[in-house]
Amino acid sequence: MKQIIIAFMAFFLGISLNAQNTKWNFDESHSKISFSVTHMMITDVEGKFNKYEGEILSDKDDFSDAKINFKIDVKSIDTDNDKRDDHLKSADFFNTEKFPDIIFTGEKMIKKGKGKYKLSGDFTMLGVTKKIILDVTYRGMKKDPWGNLRAGFKISGTINRNDWGLKYNSALDAGGVMIGEEVDIICNIELIKSK
């Protein structure tokens, strides 16, 4: 019994010793969560989400141990066209009344080279959760004039919107479809270390 108790304590002490304690917050004024999708097979339409929140827990300078929780307010979608934005919020697309958030929970940051990583995690949209892998470029860490420690990243990847049930489209007379199925994700992120 004593050995079981010792093993039990060692297990939980190990977890507490390995748990990340350093919190990093998103600097929204220096970050951008954007996307692009093909329109009529000939060009890309770009958009962004203006409201989001989250935190990253990481004790290592290279963020290889990062644990990420991130939530986007889908109603904040902005494609520079109010009519299109309203349509995107409707049941044809994001159905924001029923599914107001997009959530990403990062699981692993696998180093692939100097400043290069593969970030895997669960991506939830329209109530559907699937694993995705994103490319990450870590641009380093700097102290700002006010003594805050900051870190910068560029995150990119491509998902097929049909995989999450976002299937609205219309056929073109000349062939093809109005809206591309693949969506490019482009995020420029600046983090501030919590004091």
C-alpha atoms as a PDB file:
ATOM      1  CA  MET A   1       0.000   0.000   0.000  1.00  0.00           C
ATOM      2  CA  LYS A   2       2.847   2.353   0.899  1.00  0.00           C
ATOM      3  CA  GLN A   3       4.462   1.792  -2.506  1.00  0.00           C
ATOM      4  CA  ILE A   4       1.173   2.590  -4.239  1.00  0.00           C
ATOM      5  CA  ILE A   5       0.866   5.866  -2.326  1.00  0.00           C
ATOM      6  CA  ILE A   6       4.467   6.820  -3.144  1.00  0.00           C
ATOM      7  CA  ALA A   7       3.912   6.031  -6.837  1.00  0.00           C
ATOM      8  CA  PHE A   8       0.674   8.018  -6.794  1.00  0.00           C
ATOM      9  CA  MET A   9       2.410  11.058  -5.255  1.00  0.00           C
ATOM     10  CA  ALA A  10       5.341  10.814  -7.659  1.00  0.00           C
ATOM     11  CA  PHE A  11       2.949  10.725 -10.594  1.00  0.00           C
ATOM     12  CA  PHE A  12       1.169  13.910  -9.561  1.00  0.00           C
ATOM     13  CA  LEU A  13       4.375  15.653  -8.522  1.00  0.00           C
ATOM     14  CA  GLY A  14       5.716  14.854 -11.963  1.00  0.00           C
ATOM     15  CA  ILE A  15       2.682  16.463 -13.550  1.00  0.00           C
ATOM     16  CA  SER A  16       3.009  19.600 -11.447  1.00  0.00           C
ATOM     17  CA  LEU A  17       6.731  19.857 -12.220  1.00  0.00           C
ATOM     18  CA  ASN A  18       6.111  19.499 -15.959  1.00  0.00           C
ATOM     19  CA  ALA A  19       3.045  21.736 -16.141  1.00  0.00           C
ATOM     20  CA  GLN A  20       3.557  25.071 -17.844  1.00  0.00           C
ATOM     21  CA  ASN A  21       3.249  28.023 -15.478  1.00  0.00           C
ATOM     22  CA  THR A  22       4.187  30.979 -17.694  1.00  0.00           C
ATOM     23  CA  LYS A  23       1.167  32.681 -19.246  1.00  0.00           C
ATOM     24  CA  TRP A  24       1.306  34.615 -22.507  1.00  0.00           C
ATOM     25  CA  ASN A  25      -1.561  36.860 -23.642  1.00  0.00           C
ATOM     26  CA  PHE A  26      -2.506  37.922 -27.159  1.00  0.00           C
ATOM     27  CA  ASP A  27      -1.773  41.545 -28.044  1.00  0.00           C
ATOM     28  CA  GLU A  28      -4.813  42.206 -30.229  1.00  0.00           C
ATOM     29  CA  SER A  29      -3.533  45.581 -31.444  1.00  0.00           C
ATOM     30  CA  HIS A  30      -0.509  43.856 -33.017  1.00  0.00           C
ATOM     31  CA  SER A  31      -2.123  40.588 -34.113  1.00  0.00           C
ATOM     32  CA  LYS A  32      -4.395  39.616 -36.986  1.00  0.00           C
ATOM     33  CA  ILE A  33      -6.511  36.488 -37.527  1.00  0.00           C
ATOM     34  CA  SER A  34      -7.279  36.334 -41.229  1.00  0.00           C
ATOM     35  CA  PHE A  35      -8.331  33.960 -43.999  1.00  0.00           C
ATOM     36  CA  SER A  36      -8.787  33.846 -47.751  1.00  0.00           C
ATOM     37  CA  VAL A  37     -10.951  31.783 -50.083  1.00  0.00           C
ATOM     38  CA  THR A  38     -11.160  31.583 -53.869  1.00  0.00           C
ATOM     39  CA  HIS A  39     -14.029  33.449 -55.565  1.00  0.00           C
ATOM     40  CA  MET A  40     -15.338  32.322 -58.993  1.00  0.00           C
ATOM     41  CA  MET A  41     -12.176  30.266 -59.517  1.00  0.00           C
ATOM     42  CA  ILE A  42     -10.192  33.383 -60.476  1.00  0.00           C
ATOM     43  CA  THR A  43      -9.348  35.443 -57.388  1.00  0.00           C
ATOM     44  CA  ASP A  44      -9.183  35.357 -53.600  1.00  0.00           C
ATOM     45  CA  VAL A  45     -11.462  37.145 -51.151  1.00  0.00           C
ATOM     46  CA  GLU A  46      -9.828  37.952 -47.837  1.00  0.00           C
ATOM     47  CA  GLY A  47     -11.336  38.436 -44.423  1.00  0.00           C
ATOM     48  CA  LYS A  48     -10.487  38.607 -40.745  1.00  0.00           C
ATOM     49  CA  PHE A  49     -11.998  38.174 -37.309  1.00  0.00           C
ATOM     50  CA  ASN A  50     -11.846  41.291 -35.159  1.00  0.00           C
ATOM     51  CA  LYS A  51     -12.654  39.703 -31.796  1.00  0.00           C
ATOM     52  CA  TYR A  52     -10.899  36.737 -30.228  1.00  0.00           C
ATOM     53  CA  GLU A  53      -9.400  35.693 -26.935  1.00  0.00           C
ATOM     54  CA  GLY A  54      -7.067  33.092 -25.561  1.00  0.00           C
ATOM     55  CA  GLU A  55      -3.868  32.309 -23.785  1.00  0.00           C
ATOM     56  CA  ILE A  56      -0.714  30.315 -24.263  1.00  0.00           C
ATOM     57  CA  LEU A  57       1.096  28.544 -21.456  1.00  0.00           C
ATOM     58  CA  SER A  58       4.789  27.961 -22.130  1.00  0.00           C
ATOM     59  CA  ASP A  59       7.910  27.922 -19.971  1.00  0.00           C
ATOM     60  CA  LYS A  60      10.455  27.301 -22.728  1.00  0.00           C
ATOM     61  CA  ASP A  61      12.036  30.128 -24.723  1.00  0.00           C
ATOM     62  CA  ASP A  62      11.342  28.296 -27.998  1.00  0.00           C
ATOM     63  CA  PHE A  63       7.667  27.606 -27.087  1.00  0.00           C
ATOM     64  CA  SER A  64       8.096  23.918 -27.913  1.00  0.00           C
ATOM     65  CA  ASP A  65       6.072  23.073 -24.781  1.00  0.00           C
ATOM     66  CA  ALA A  66       3.223  25.477 -25.599  1.00  0.00           C
ATOM     67  CA  LYS A  67      -0.347  24.704 -24.584  1.00  0.00           C
ATOM     68  CA  ILE A  68      -2.802  26.844 -26.529  1.00  0.00           C
ATOM     69  CA  ASN A  69      -6.432  27.769 -25.951  1.00  0.00           C
ATOM     70  CA  PHE A  70      -7.948  30.139 -28.487  1.00  0.00           C
ATOM     71  CA  LYS A  71     -11.512  31.259 -29.218  1.00  0.00           C
ATOM     72  CA  ILE A  72     -12.798  33.404 -32.093  1.00  0.00           C
ATOM     73  CA  ASP A  73     -16.044  35.400 -31.958  1.00  0.00           C
ATOM     74  CA  VAL A  74     -17.433  34.485 -35.389  1.00  0.00           C
ATOM     75  CA  LYS A  75     -19.846  37.438 -35.372  1.00  0.00           C
ATOM     76  CA  SER A  76     -16.787  39.685 -35.643  1.00  0.00           C
ATOM     77  CA  ILE A  77     -16.099  38.442 -39.190  1.00  0.00           C
ATOM     78  CA  ASP A  78     -15.016  41.282 -41.476  1.00  0.00           C
ATOM     79  CA  THR A  79     -14.583  41.014 -45.260  1.00  0.00           C
ATOM     80  CA  ASP A  80     -14.990  44.762 -45.963  1.00  0.00           C
ATOM     81  CA  ASN A  81     -18.541  44.162 -47.205  1.00  0.00           C
ATOM     82  CA  ASP A  82     -21.437  44.364 -44.742  1.00  0.00           C
ATOM     83  CA  LYS A  83     -23.885  42.468 -46.958  1.00  0.00           C
ATOM     84  CA  ARG A  84     -21.429  39.594 -47.454  1.00  0.00           C
ATOM     85  CA  ASP A  85     -20.578  39.563 -43.737  1.00  0.00           C
ATOM     86  CA  ASP A  86     -24.276  39.269 -42.845  1.00  0.00           C
ATOM     87  CA  HIS A  87     -24.614  36.346 -45.264  1.00  0.00           C
ATOM     88  CA  LEU A  88     -21.558  34.648 -43.753  1.00  0.00           C
ATOM     89  CA  LYS A  89     -23.147  34.950 -40.291  1.00  0.00           C
ATOM     90  CA  SER A  90     -26.381  33.334 -41.511  1.00  0.00           C
ATOM     91  CA  ALA A  91     -27.389  29.664 -41.473  1.00  0.00           C
ATOM     92  CA  ASP A  92     -26.005  29.307 -45.019  1.00  0.00           C
ATOM     93  CA  PHE A  93     -22.506  29.592 -43.616  1.00  0.00           C
ATOM     94  CA  PHE A  94     -21.393  29.995 -39.989  1.00  0.00           C
ATOM     95  CA  ASN A  95     -24.865  30.081 -38.376  1.00  0.00           C
ATOM     96  CA  THR A  96     -23.541  32.342 -35.630  1.00  0.00           C
ATOM     97  CA  GLU A  97     -26.775  32.303 -33.618  1.00  0.00           C
ATOM     98  CA  LYS A  98     -26.259  28.591 -32.970  1.00  0.00           C
ATOM     99  CA  PHE A  99     -22.457  28.392 -33.238  1.00  0.00           C
ATOM    100  CA  PRO A 100     -20.996  31.728 -32.104  1.00  0.00           C
ATOM    101  CA  ASP A 101     -17.405  30.540 -31.626  1.00  0.00           C
ATOM    102  CA  ILE A 102     -14.549  28.875 -33.462  1.00  0.00           C
ATOM    103  CA  ILE A 103     -12.219  27.161 -30.989  1.00  0.00           C
ATOM    104  CA  PHE A 104      -8.669  25.907 -31.393  1.00  0.00           C
ATOM    105  CA  THR A 105      -6.915  23.874 -28.716  1.00  0.00           C
ATOM    106  CA  GLY A 106      -3.252  23.318 -29.500  1.00  0.00           C
ATOM    107  CA  GLU A 107      -1.723  20.009 -28.444  1.00  0.00           C
ATOM    108  CA  LYS A 108       1.816  19.771 -29.833  1.00  0.00           C
ATOM    109  CA  MET A 109       4.465  22.108 -31.223  1.00  0.00           C
ATOM    110  CA  ILE A 110       6.903  19.891 -33.113  1.00  0.00           C
ATOM    111  CA  LYS A 111      10.166  21.577 -34.087  1.00  0.00           C
ATOM    112  CA  LYS A 112      11.086  21.162 -37.769  1.00  0.00           C
ATOM    113  CA  GLY A 113      14.042  23.520 -38.000  1.00  0.00           C
ATOM    114  CA  LYS A 114      15.273  26.861 -36.721  1.00  0.00           C
ATOM    115  CA  GLY A 115      12.140  28.809 -35.856  1.00  0.00           C
ATOM    116  CA  LYS A 116       9.934  26.356 -37.778  1.00  0.00           C
ATOM    117  CA  TYR A 117       7.256  24.183 -36.201  1.00  0.00           C
ATOM    118  CA  LYS A 118       4.230  22.043 -36.948  1.00  0.00           C
ATOM    119  CA  LEU A 119       1.363  22.867 -34.591  1.00  0.00           C
ATOM    120  CA  SER A 120      -1.323  20.225 -34.185  1.00  0.00           C
ATOM    121  CA  GLY A 121      -4.592  20.590 -32.314  1.00  0.00           C
ATOM    122  CA  ASP A 122      -8.370  20.371 -32.282  1.00  0.00           C
ATOM    123  CA  PHE A 123     -10.264  22.858 -34.452  1.00  0.00           C
ATOM    124  CA  THR A 124     -13.978  23.242 -33.667  1.00  0.00           C
ATOM    125  CA  MET A 125     -16.352  25.001 -36.056  1.00  0.00           C
ATOM    126  CA  LEU A 126     -20.134  24.588 -36.487  1.00  0.00           C
ATOM    127  CA  GLY A 127     -20.049  22.129 -33.600  1.00  0.00           C
ATOM    128  CA  VAL A 128     -17.645  19.793 -35.434  1.00  0.00           C
ATOM    129  CA  THR A 129     -14.183  19.088 -34.024  1.00  0.00           C
ATOM    130  CA  LYS A 130     -11.343  17.814 -36.202  1.00  0.00           C
ATOM    131  CA  LYS A 131      -7.585  17.719 -35.823  1.00  0.00           C
ATOM    132  CA  ILE A 132      -5.570  20.079 -37.995  1.00  0.00           C
ATOM    133  CA  ILE A 133      -1.873  20.811 -38.485  1.00  0.00           C
ATOM    134  CA  LEU A 134      -0.601  24.358 -38.972  1.00  0.00           C
ATOM    135  CA  ASP A 135       2.785  25.731 -40.002  1.00  0.00           C
ATOM    136  CA  VAL A 136       4.394  28.041 -37.459  1.00  0.00           C
ATOM    137  CA  THR A 137       7.281  30.450 -37.887  1.00  0.00           C
ATOM    138  CA  TYR A 138       8.614  31.708 -34.567  1.00  0.00           C
ATOM    139  CA  ARG A 139      10.115  35.157 -35.082  1.00  0.00           C
ATOM    140  CA  GLY A 140      11.745  35.517 -31.705  1.00  0.00           C
ATOM    141  CA  MET A 141      11.379  37.378 -28.444  1.00  0.00           C
ATOM    142  CA  LYS A 142      12.023  41.033 -27.591  1.00  0.00           C
ATOM    143  CA  LYS A 143      11.563  43.358 -24.639  1.00  0.00           C
ATOM    144  CA  ASP A 144       9.540  46.477 -25.436  1.00  0.00           C
ATOM    145  CA  PRO A 145      10.368  50.001 -24.107  1.00  0.00           C
ATOM    146  CA  TRP A 146       8.023  49.452 -21.140  1.00  0.00           C
ATOM    147  CA  GLY A 147       9.731  46.270 -19.987  1.00  0.00           C
ATOM    148  CA  ASN A 148       7.192  43.806 -21.389  1.00  0.00           C
ATOM    149  CA  LEU A 149       8.538  40.635 -22.946  1.00  0.00           C
ATOM    150  CA  ARG A 150       6.966  39.961 -26.348  1.00  0.00           C
ATOM    151  CA  ALA A 151       7.078  37.026 -28.779  1.00  0.00           C
ATOM    152  CA  GLY A 152       6.041  36.941 -32.438  1.00  0.00           C
ATOM    153  CA  PHE A 153       4.684  34.204 -34.686  1.00  0.00           C
ATOM    154  CA  LYS A 154       3.275  33.685 -38.146  1.00  0.00           C
ATOM    155  CA  ILE A 155       0.826  30.766 -38.376  1.00  0.00           C
ATOM    156  CA  SER A 156      -0.614  29.422 -41.609  1.00  0.00           C
ATOM    157  CA  GLY A 157      -2.463  26.433 -42.972  1.00  0.00           C
ATOM    158  CA  THR A 158      -5.294  25.273 -45.199  1.00  0.00           C
ATOM    159  CA  ILE A 159      -8.534  23.534 -44.304  1.00  0.00           C
ATOM    160  CA  ASN A 160     -11.397  22.209 -46.417  1.00  0.00           C
ATOM    161  CA  ARG A 161     -14.541  23.940 -45.141  1.00  0.00           C
ATOM    162  CA  ASN A 162     -16.713  21.009 -46.269  1.00  0.00           C
ATOM    163  CA  ASP A 163     -15.105  18.878 -43.535  1.00  0.00           C
ATOM    164  CA  TRP A 164     -16.915  21.034 -40.962  1.00  0.00           C
ATOM    165  CA  GLY A 165     -20.231  21.077 -42.822  1.00  0.00           C
ATOM    166  CA  LEU A 166     -19.761  24.555 -44.293  1.00  0.00           C
ATOM    167  CA  LYS A 167     -20.929  23.523 -47.761  1.00  0.00           C
ATOM    168  CA  TYR A 168     -22.926  26.431 -49.189  1.00  0.00           C
ATOM    169  CA  ASN A 169     -22.050  27.082 -52.833  1.00  0.00           C
ATOM    170  CA  SER A 170     -23.476  27.713 -56.288  1.00  0.00           C
ATOM    171  CA  ALA A 171     -22.423  26.442 -59.703  1.00  0.00           C
ATOM    172  CA  LEU A 172     -21.106  28.743 -62.423  1.00  0.00           C
ATOM    173  CA  ASP A 173     -22.541  28.585 -65.945  1.00  0.00           C
ATOM    174  CA  ALA A 174     -19.052  28.261 -67.390  1.00  0.00           C
ATOM    175  CA  GLY A 175     -18.179  25.428 -64.977  1.00  0.00           C
ATOM    176  CA  GLY A 176     -16.778  25.351 -61.503  1.00  0.00           C
ATOM    177  CA  VAL A 177     -18.264  26.871 -58.368  1.00  0.00           C
ATOM    178  CA  MET A 178     -18.676  30.346 -56.910  1.00  0.00           C
ATOM    179  CA  ILE A 179     -16.739  29.716 -53.669  1.00  0.00           C
ATOM    180  CA  GLY A 180     -13.644  27.592 -53.183  1.00  0.00           C
ATOM    181  CA  GLU A 181     -13.716  24.694 -50.760  1.00  0.00           C
ATOM    182  CA  GLU A 182     -10.222  25.292 -49.378  1.00  0.00           C
ATOM    183  CA  VAL A 183      -9.718  28.123 -46.915  1.00  0.00           C
ATOM    184  CA  ASP A 184      -6.259  29.521 -46.236  1.00  0.00           C
ATOM    185  CA  ILE A 185      -5.625  30.559 -42.637  1.00  0.00           C
ATOM    186  CA  ILE A 186      -3.073  33.319 -42.032  1.00  0.00           C
ATOM    187  CA  CYS A 187      -2.386  34.552 -38.493  1.00  0.00           C
ATOM    188  CA  ASN A 188       0.204  37.075 -37.391  1.00  0.00           C
ATOM    189  CA  ILE A 189       0.448  36.849 -33.622  1.00  0.00           C
ATOM    190  CA  GLU A 190       2.199  38.964 -31.013  1.00  0.00           C
ATOM    191  CA  LEU A 191       2.174  37.697 -27.430  1.00  0.00           C
ATOM    192  CA  ILE A 192       2.907  39.535 -24.204  1.00  0.00           C
ATOM    193  CA  LYS A 193       4.277  37.669 -21.217  1.00  0.00           C
ATOM    194  CA  SER A 194       1.988  37.965 -18.238  1.00  0.00           C
ATOM    195  CA  LYS A 195       3.553  39.649 -15.206  1.00  0.00           C
END
